[in-house]
C-alpha atoms as a PDB file:
ATOM      1  CA  UNK A   1     -34.574 -10.915  -9.103  1.00  0.00           C
ATOM      2  CA  UNK A   2     -30.994  -9.821  -8.419  1.00  0.00           C
ATOM      3  CA  UNK A   3     -29.523 -11.058  -5.154  1.00  0.00           C
ATOM      4  CA  UNK A   4     -28.188  -8.332  -2.886  1.00  0.00           C
ATOM      5  CA  UNK A   5     -24.389  -8.462  -2.681  1.00  0.00           C
ATOM      6  CA  UNK A   6     -22.913  -7.736   0.733  1.00  0.00           C
ATOM      7  CA  UNK A   7     -19.311  -6.734   1.141  1.00  0.00           C
ATOM      8  CA  UNK A   8     -17.109  -6.545   4.226  1.00  0.00           C
ATOM      9  CA  UNK A   9     -15.422  -3.312   5.272  1.00  0.00           C
ATOM     10  CA  UNK A  10     -13.568  -1.475   3.765  1.00  0.00           C
ATOM     11  CA  UNK A  11     -15.053  -2.778   0.499  1.00  0.00           C
ATOM     12  CA  UNK A  12     -18.558  -1.744   1.597  1.00  0.00           C
ATOM     13  CA  UNK A  13     -17.454   1.856   2.192  1.00  0.00           C
ATOM     14  CA  UNK A  14     -15.758   1.954  -1.191  1.00  0.00           C
ATOM     15  CA  UNK A  15     -18.871   0.575  -2.906  1.00  0.00           C
ATOM     16  CA  UNK A  16     -21.013   3.200  -1.136  1.00  0.00           C
ATOM     17  CA  UNK A  17     -18.697   5.955  -2.373  1.00  0.00           C
ATOM     18  CA  UNK A  18     -19.163   4.685  -5.942  1.00  0.00           C
ATOM     19  CA  UNK A  19     -22.940   4.473  -5.603  1.00  0.00           C
ATOM     20  CA  UNK A  20     -23.261   0.755  -4.980  1.00  0.00           C
ATOM     21  CA  UNK A  21     -21.721  -2.605  -5.704  1.00  0.00           C
ATOM     22  CA  UNK A  22     -22.788  -2.597  -9.355  1.00  0.00           C
ATOM     23  CA  UNK A  23     -21.124   0.779  -9.970  1.00  0.00           C
ATOM     24  CA  UNK A  24     -17.943  -0.367  -8.227  1.00  0.00           C
ATOM     25  CA  UNK A  25     -17.838  -3.578 -10.273  1.00  0.00           C
ATOM     26  CA  UNK A  26     -18.291  -1.538 -13.438  1.00  0.00           C
ATOM     27  CA  UNK A  27     -15.460   0.817 -12.410  1.00  0.00           C
ATOM     28  CA  UNK A  28     -13.172  -2.206 -12.054  1.00  0.00           C
ATOM     29  CA  UNK A  29     -14.391  -3.653 -15.384  1.00  0.00           C
ATOM     30  CA  UNK A  30     -15.694  -6.784 -13.751  1.00  0.00           C
ATOM     31  CA  UNK A  31     -18.953  -8.366 -12.572  1.00  0.00           C
ATOM     32  CA  UNK A  32     -20.440  -8.224  -9.086  1.00  0.00           C
ATOM     33  CA  UNK A  33     -19.673 -11.889  -8.378  1.00  0.00           C
ATOM     34  CA  UNK A  34     -15.963 -11.393  -9.047  1.00  0.00           C
ATOM     35  CA  UNK A  35     -15.950  -8.266  -6.871  1.00  0.00           C
ATOM     36  CA  UNK A  36     -17.686 -10.237  -4.113  1.00  0.00           C
ATOM     37  CA  UNK A  37     -15.084 -13.003  -4.393  1.00  0.00           C
ATOM     38  CA  UNK A  38     -12.225 -10.496  -4.153  1.00  0.00           C
ATOM     39  CA  UNK A  39     -13.776  -8.823  -1.110  1.00  0.00           C
ATOM     40  CA  UNK A  40     -14.289 -12.130   0.678  1.00  0.00           C
ATOM     41  CA  UNK A  41     -10.849 -13.501  -0.215  1.00  0.00           C
ATOM     42  CA  UNK A  42     -12.138 -16.307  -2.443  1.00  0.00           C
ATOM     43  CA  UNK A  43     -10.140 -15.010  -5.414  1.00  0.00           C
ATOM     44  CA  UNK A  44      -7.196 -12.634  -5.597  1.00  0.00           C
ATOM     45  CA  UNK A  45      -7.218  -9.791  -8.126  1.00  0.00           C
ATOM     46  CA  UNK A  46      -4.152  -9.662 -10.314  1.00  0.00           C
ATOM     47  CA  UNK A  47      -2.259  -7.187 -12.441  1.00  0.00           C
ATOM     48  CA  UNK A  48      -4.288  -4.250 -13.715  1.00  0.00           C
ATOM     49  CA  UNK A  49      -7.290  -5.036 -11.489  1.00  0.00           C
ATOM     50  CA  UNK A  50      -5.152  -4.970  -8.366  1.00  0.00           C
ATOM     51  CA  UNK A  51      -3.651  -1.646  -9.415  1.00  0.00           C
ATOM     52  CA  UNK A  52      -7.130  -0.144  -9.967  1.00  0.00           C
ATOM     53  CA  UNK A  53      -8.272  -1.430  -6.580  1.00  0.00           C
ATOM     54  CA  UNK A  54      -5.284   0.024  -4.732  1.00  0.00           C
ATOM     55  CA  UNK A  55      -5.754   3.389  -6.481  1.00  0.00           C
ATOM     56  CA  UNK A  56      -9.483   3.428  -5.655  1.00  0.00           C
ATOM     57  CA  UNK A  57      -8.915   2.703  -1.955  1.00  0.00           C
ATOM     58  CA  UNK A  58      -6.119   5.268  -1.802  1.00  0.00           C
ATOM     59  CA  UNK A  59      -8.248   7.988  -3.436  1.00  0.00           C
ATOM     60  CA  UNK A  60     -11.134   7.202  -1.069  1.00  0.00           C
ATOM     61  CA  UNK A  61      -8.754   7.404   1.941  1.00  0.00           C
ATOM     62  CA  UNK A  62      -9.693   3.877   2.994  1.00  0.00           C
ATOM     63  CA  UNK A  63      -7.345   1.155   4.217  1.00  0.00           C
ATOM     64  CA  UNK A  64      -6.200  -1.134   1.447  1.00  0.00           C
ATOM     65  CA  UNK A  65      -7.552  -4.626   2.102  1.00  0.00           C
ATOM     66  CA  UNK A  66      -5.488  -7.782   2.251  1.00  0.00           C
ATOM     67  CA  UNK A  67      -5.464  -9.832  -0.934  1.00  0.00           C
ATOM     68  CA  UNK A  68      -5.304 -13.492  -0.115  1.00  0.00           C
ATOM     69  CA  UNK A  69      -2.731 -13.852   2.639  1.00  0.00           C
ATOM     70  CA  UNK A  70      -0.714 -10.784   1.705  1.00  0.00           C
ATOM     71  CA  UNK A  71      -1.630  -7.201   2.247  1.00  0.00           C
ATOM     72  CA  UNK A  72      -0.375  -4.608  -0.166  1.00  0.00           C
ATOM     73  CA  UNK A  73       2.002  -2.264   1.541  1.00  0.00           C
ATOM     74  CA  UNK A  74       1.347   0.825  -0.474  1.00  0.00           C
ATOM     75  CA  UNK A  75       1.611   3.832   1.871  1.00  0.00           C
ATOM     76  CA  UNK A  76       1.935   1.434   4.765  1.00  0.00           C
ATOM     77  CA  UNK A  77       5.299   2.647   5.970  1.00  0.00           C
ATOM     78  CA  UNK A  78       5.315   5.058   8.892  1.00  0.00           C
ATOM     79  CA  UNK A  79       6.260   8.701   8.767  1.00  0.00           C
ATOM     80  CA  UNK A  80       8.910  10.034   8.208  1.00  0.00           C
ATOM     81  CA  UNK A  81       9.820   7.082   5.958  1.00  0.00           C
ATOM     82  CA  UNK A  82       6.740   7.773   3.837  1.00  0.00           C
ATOM     83  CA  UNK A  83       7.841  11.382   3.300  1.00  0.00           C
ATOM     84  CA  UNK A  84      11.349  10.214   2.355  1.00  0.00           C
ATOM     85  CA  UNK A  85       9.929   7.698  -0.113  1.00  0.00           C
ATOM     86  CA  UNK A  86       7.693  10.369  -1.658  1.00  0.00           C
ATOM     87  CA  UNK A  87      10.682  12.713  -1.952  1.00  0.00           C
ATOM     88  CA  UNK A  88      12.459  10.032  -3.988  1.00  0.00           C
ATOM     89  CA  UNK A  89       9.422   9.154  -6.117  1.00  0.00           C
ATOM     90  CA  UNK A  90       8.324   6.060  -4.228  1.00  0.00           C
ATOM     91  CA  UNK A  91       9.714   3.231  -2.153  1.00  0.00           C
ATOM     92  CA  UNK A  92      11.133   1.491  -5.201  1.00  0.00           C
ATOM     93  CA  UNK A  93      13.076   4.597  -6.230  1.00  0.00           C
ATOM     94  CA  UNK A  94      14.324   5.125  -2.669  1.00  0.00           C
ATOM     95  CA  UNK A  95      15.478   1.510  -2.462  1.00  0.00           C
ATOM     96  CA  UNK A  96      17.247   1.819  -5.802  1.00  0.00           C
ATOM     97  CA  UNK A  97      18.987   5.023  -4.664  1.00  0.00           C
ATOM     98  CA  UNK A  98      20.208   3.177  -1.562  1.00  0.00           C
ATOM     99  CA  UNK A  99      21.252   0.101  -3.533  1.00  0.00           C
ATOM    100  CA  UNK A 100      18.686  -2.072  -1.744  1.00  0.00           C
ATOM    101  CA  UNK A 101      15.449  -3.863  -2.568  1.00  0.00           C
ATOM    102  CA  UNK A 102      12.092  -2.345  -1.524  1.00  0.00           C
ATOM    103  CA  UNK A 103      11.434  -5.056   1.065  1.00  0.00           C
ATOM    104  CA  UNK A 104      14.565  -3.959   2.946  1.00  0.00           C
ATOM    105  CA  UNK A 105      13.283  -0.373   3.123  1.00  0.00           C
ATOM    106  CA  UNK A 106       9.910  -1.592   4.426  1.00  0.00           C
ATOM    107  CA  UNK A 107      11.660  -3.715   7.065  1.00  0.00           C
ATOM    108  CA  UNK A 108      13.809  -0.782   8.200  1.00  0.00           C
ATOM    109  CA  UNK A 109      10.766   1.488   8.417  1.00  0.00           C
ATOM    110  CA  UNK A 110       8.815  -1.049  10.446  1.00  0.00           C
ATOM    111  CA  UNK A 111      11.766  -1.749  12.734  1.00  0.00           C
ATOM    112  CA  UNK A 112      11.943  -5.393  11.659  1.00  0.00           C
ATOM    113  CA  UNK A 113      15.495  -5.090  10.383  1.00  0.00           C
ATOM    114  CA  UNK A 114      18.518  -3.367  11.871  1.00  0.00           C
ATOM    115  CA  UNK A 115      19.835  -0.374  10.023  1.00  0.00           C
ATOM    116  CA  UNK A 116      23.584  -0.316  10.497  1.00  0.00           C
ATOM    117  CA  UNK A 117      26.911   0.288   8.828  1.00  0.00           C
ATOM    118  CA  UNK A 118      27.152   2.154   5.525  1.00  0.00           C
ATOM    119  CA  UNK A 119      23.410   1.801   4.922  1.00  0.00           C
ATOM    120  CA  UNK A 120      22.677   3.710   8.138  1.00  0.00           C
ATOM    121  CA  UNK A 121      24.914   6.555   6.977  1.00  0.00           C
ATOM    122  CA  UNK A 122      23.247   6.557   3.536  1.00  0.00           C
ATOM    123  CA  UNK A 123      19.751   6.649   5.020  1.00  0.00           C
ATOM    124  CA  UNK A 124      20.566   9.460   7.440  1.00  0.00           C
ATOM    125  CA  UNK A 125      22.131  11.420   4.565  1.00  0.00           C
ATOM    126  CA  UNK A 126      19.014  10.837   2.453  1.00  0.00           C
ATOM    127  CA  UNK A 127      16.822  12.251   5.232  1.00  0.00           C
ATOM    128  CA  UNK A 128      19.131  15.261   5.617  1.00  0.00           C
ATOM    129  CA  UNK A 129      19.238  15.905   1.850  1.00  0.00           C
ATOM    130  CA  UNK A 130      15.427  15.729   1.648  1.00  0.00           C
ATOM    131  CA  UNK A 131      15.117  18.117   4.606  1.00  0.00           C
ATOM    132  CA  UNK A 132      13.160  15.575   6.645  1.00  0.00           C
ATOM    133  CA  UNK A 133      13.803  14.907  10.319  1.00  0.00           C
ATOM    134  CA  UNK A 134      14.962  11.286  10.522  1.00  0.00           C
ATOM    135  CA  UNK A 135      13.245   8.821  12.817  1.00  0.00           C
ATOM    136  CA  UNK A 136      14.894   7.812  16.051  1.00  0.00           C
ATOM    137  CA  UNK A 137      16.997   4.814  15.064  1.00  0.00           C
ATOM    138  CA  UNK A 138      17.807   2.140  17.631  1.00  0.00           C
ATOM    139  CA  UNK A 139      21.353   1.992  18.891  1.00  0.00           C
ATOM    140  CA  UNK A 140      23.450  -0.794  17.475  1.00  0.00           C
END
């Protein structure tokens, strides 16, 4: 007899959209036990598996779960930063165009890092060029 595998949300919703845990495990080219361990944080998916998981949650319009202690920030930046990133082909491309690393762009978008000096001018110009209304930036 096969033991019923229970998954926490949002994994359960994703499994339901695939027709069950077995179908979801098959879609990720893994077994149900591994899927269960990922969902419960026992193991962390890596490389291609992580990419498949992020794509599946994104397509299903479900929040991407945390993997281990880190959550994946895929479309986790607020508008209008998300629109600006999409206009540049992603956060990595936007960061490269600004001469910064992606983590800096995420920190600016979340308000965890001050945006000042030449970078502020570059970012405002990028919004203007893309035809996107820039967010209200804090005064320096």
